[in-house]
Amino acid sequence: MLSPDGLLDVVSGGGLEYLNLHKLGSSAGLDALGSLTFAKRIRVLNLRMCRYLTDASVMAIVSGCPLIEEWNLAVCHGVHLPGWSAIGLYCNKLRVLHVNRCRNICDQGLLALGNGCVHLEVLHINGCVKITNNGLALFSIARHNIDLRVDEVMSIGPSIENLFRLE
């Protein structure tokens, strides 16, 4: 299990743009992620199946990581309306969001994402039991330019070819 100190060690390099914490067993350390100045460059964040992620963690991340372009929150059951609202308010660069099988995203949370996230292009969404057909229809009408996808992507981030590219 990754400890809070271990998480701090992982991101301490300063130039981190991609962080994969898929299936992290606890939310310990996630609250600190947003407050770390060296995490401000994160563009791709995979928190898929981090079932213990909380609204407080989401709020800390969105306030401290303003460059997030793709965020996988699939199967993150601890995110409720305050977390979704914070994402809508602060994730101005977000282009791709994964919310598949999130038990606590509802019509209001979807509306908060739609009212914010001005650059959102793709929303991976299925199995969200608190989102009604009406809520999804209203979202689609208001944000008709967003590609709603029912597929679930298991891995996100840069391709292996781009990891070793010299700049």
Protein backbone atom coordinates (compact mmCIF):
# COMPACT_ATOMS: atom_id res chain seq x y z
CA MET A 1 0.00 0.00 0.00
CA LEU A 2 1.24 3.48 -0.84
CA SER A 3 1.66 5.59 2.27
CA PRO A 4 1.20 9.38 2.37
CA ASP A 5 4.98 9.77 2.59
CA GLY A 6 5.39 7.37 -0.33
CA LEU A 7 2.98 9.44 -2.42
CA LEU A 8 4.95 12.58 -1.61
CA ASP A 9 8.15 10.82 -2.67
CA VAL A 10 6.54 9.73 -5.96
CA VAL A 11 5.56 13.25 -7.00
CA SER A 12 8.56 15.10 -5.58
CA GLY A 13 10.34 15.36 -8.93
CA GLY A 14 8.59 18.59 -9.91
CA GLY A 15 7.89 17.82 -13.56
CA LEU A 16 5.30 15.11 -13.07
CA GLU A 17 2.54 15.33 -15.70
CA TYR A 18 1.02 11.85 -15.44
CA LEU A 19 0.10 10.06 -12.23
CA ASN A 20 -1.55 6.64 -12.09
CA LEU A 21 -2.89 5.72 -8.66
CA HIS A 22 -5.40 3.18 -10.00
CA LYS A 23 -6.92 1.11 -7.19
CA LEU A 24 -5.19 3.00 -4.39
CA GLY A 25 -6.33 1.31 -1.18
CA SER A 26 -6.80 4.44 0.91
CA SER A 27 -7.25 8.16 0.50
CA ALA A 28 -4.31 8.87 2.79
CA GLY A 29 -2.04 11.33 1.05
CA LEU A 30 -4.51 12.35 -1.66
CA ASP A 31 -5.53 15.46 0.28
CA ALA A 32 -1.88 16.54 0.24
CA LEU A 33 -1.53 16.02 -3.51
CA GLY A 34 -3.22 19.29 -4.37
CA SER A 35 -1.17 21.31 -1.90
CA LEU A 36 2.15 20.20 -3.36
CA THR A 37 3.65 22.81 -5.63
CA PHE A 38 5.39 20.13 -7.68
CA ALA A 39 2.07 18.45 -8.51
CA LYS A 40 0.80 21.56 -10.28
CA ARG A 41 1.93 20.23 -13.69
CA ILE A 42 -0.16 17.05 -13.57
CA ARG A 43 -2.17 16.75 -16.79
CA VAL A 44 -3.38 13.14 -16.59
CA LEU A 45 -4.59 11.70 -13.30
CA ASN A 46 -5.84 8.13 -13.02
CA LEU A 47 -7.68 7.49 -9.77
CA ARG A 48 -9.84 4.70 -11.19
CA MET A 49 -11.20 2.42 -8.47
CA CYS A 50 -9.93 4.60 -5.62
CA ARG A 51 -13.03 3.78 -3.65
CA TYR A 52 -11.91 5.79 -0.63
CA LEU A 53 -11.40 9.05 -2.51
CA THR A 54 -13.36 11.76 -0.71
CA ASP A 55 -14.87 15.11 -1.62
CA ALA A 56 -12.14 16.74 0.50
CA SER A 57 -9.47 14.96 -1.56
CA VAL A 58 -11.11 16.05 -4.82
CA MET A 59 -11.31 19.65 -3.60
CA ALA A 60 -7.63 19.62 -2.63
CA ILE A 61 -6.65 18.14 -5.99
CA VAL A 62 -8.69 20.58 -8.10
CA SER A 63 -7.34 23.58 -6.23
CA GLY A 64 -3.73 22.45 -6.52
CA CYS A 65 -3.63 20.78 -9.94
CA PRO A 66 -5.08 23.35 -12.37
CA LEU A 67 -3.71 21.73 -15.55
CA ILE A 68 -5.58 18.40 -15.40
CA GLU A 69 -6.77 17.53 -18.91
CA GLU A 70 -7.82 13.91 -18.36
CA TRP A 71 -9.08 12.48 -15.10
CA ASN A 72 -10.30 8.95 -14.50
CA LEU A 73 -12.64 8.78 -11.51
CA ALA A 74 -14.44 5.58 -12.55
CA VAL A 75 -15.67 3.53 -9.58
CA CYS A 76 -14.79 6.30 -7.10
CA HIS A 77 -17.79 5.96 -4.81
CA GLY A 78 -16.69 8.55 -2.23
CA VAL A 79 -17.18 11.51 -4.57
CA HIS A 80 -20.51 13.25 -3.98
CA LEU A 81 -22.07 16.54 -5.11
CA PRO A 82 -19.44 18.78 -3.42
CA GLY A 83 -16.68 16.94 -5.28
CA TRP A 84 -18.43 17.06 -8.66
CA SER A 85 -19.22 20.75 -8.11
CA ALA A 86 -15.56 21.48 -7.33
CA ILE A 87 -14.49 19.74 -10.54
CA GLY A 88 -16.98 21.86 -12.48
CA LEU A 89 -15.73 25.05 -10.86
CA TYR A 90 -11.98 24.53 -11.00
CA CYS A 91 -11.10 22.07 -13.78
CA ASN A 92 -11.03 24.64 -16.55
CA LYS A 93 -8.61 22.65 -18.71
CA LEU A 94 -10.35 19.28 -18.32
CA ARG A 95 -10.99 17.69 -21.72
CA VAL A 96 -11.72 14.03 -20.83
CA LEU A 97 -13.48 12.77 -17.71
CA HIS A 98 -14.26 9.18 -16.73
CA VAL A 99 -17.15 8.70 -14.27
CA ASN A 100 -18.20 5.14 -15.11
CA ARG A 101 -19.92 3.30 -12.26
CA CYS A 102 -19.60 6.17 -9.79
CA ARG A 103 -22.41 5.46 -7.33
CA ASN A 104 -22.75 9.02 -6.09
CA ILE A 105 -22.82 11.16 -9.18
CA CYS A 106 -26.37 12.40 -9.68
CA ASP A 107 -28.20 14.74 -12.04
CA GLN A 108 -27.05 17.77 -10.00
CA GLY A 109 -23.44 16.61 -10.16
CA LEU A 110 -23.72 16.12 -13.90
CA LEU A 111 -25.22 19.61 -14.19
CA ALA A 112 -22.30 21.05 -12.18
CA LEU A 113 -19.85 19.39 -14.58
CA GLY A 114 -21.81 20.70 -17.56
CA ASN A 115 -22.00 24.25 -16.23
CA GLY A 116 -18.26 24.25 -15.62
CA CYS A 117 -15.56 22.26 -17.41
CA VAL A 118 -15.76 24.55 -20.44
CA HIS A 119 -13.21 22.54 -22.44
CA LEU A 120 -14.75 19.13 -21.76
CA GLU A 121 -14.84 17.10 -24.98
CA VAL A 122 -15.42 13.51 -23.82
CA LEU A 123 -17.36 12.12 -20.87
CA HIS A 124 -17.12 8.37 -20.27
CA ILE A 125 -20.33 7.62 -18.41
CA ASN A 126 -22.24 4.41 -17.78
CA GLY A 127 -23.54 2.52 -14.79
CA CYS A 128 -24.17 5.71 -12.79
CA VAL A 129 -27.37 4.67 -11.03
CA LYS A 130 -28.26 8.12 -9.64
CA ILE A 131 -28.25 9.78 -13.05
CA THR A 132 -31.70 9.73 -14.60
CA ASN A 133 -32.55 9.63 -18.29
CA ASN A 134 -33.89 13.19 -17.93
CA GLY A 135 -30.65 14.37 -16.34
CA LEU A 136 -28.59 12.84 -19.12
CA ALA A 137 -30.91 14.32 -21.76
CA LEU A 138 -30.67 17.81 -20.24
CA PHE A 139 -26.88 17.51 -20.11
CA SER A 140 -26.80 16.42 -23.75
CA ILE A 141 -28.96 19.36 -24.82
CA ALA A 142 -26.96 21.91 -22.84
CA ARG A 143 -23.56 20.51 -23.86
CA HIS A 144 -24.29 18.93 -27.26
CA ASN A 145 -20.61 19.22 -28.23
CA ILE A 146 -19.50 16.70 -25.58
CA ASP A 147 -19.02 13.14 -26.76
CA LEU A 148 -20.81 10.87 -24.27
CA ARG A 149 -19.24 7.42 -24.31
CA VAL A 150 -20.43 4.28 -22.57
CA ASP A 151 -17.10 2.49 -22.90
CA GLU A 152 -14.90 2.05 -19.87
CA VAL A 153 -11.22 2.74 -20.41
CA MET A 154 -9.01 0.73 -18.09
CA SER A 155 -5.79 2.66 -18.64
CA ILE A 156 -5.23 6.31 -19.50
CA GLY A 157 -2.16 8.39 -20.07
CA PRO A 158 0.63 8.86 -22.53
CA SER A 159 1.63 6.18 -24.98
CA ILE A 160 4.91 4.40 -24.39
CA GLU A 161 6.40 6.13 -27.45
CA ASN A 162 5.78 9.55 -25.94
CA LEU A 163 7.28 8.67 -22.57
CA PHE A 164 10.79 8.56 -23.98
CA ARG A 165 10.53 11.48 -26.39
CA LEU A 166 13.27 14.08 -26.05
CA GLU A 167 12.15 17.68 -25.95
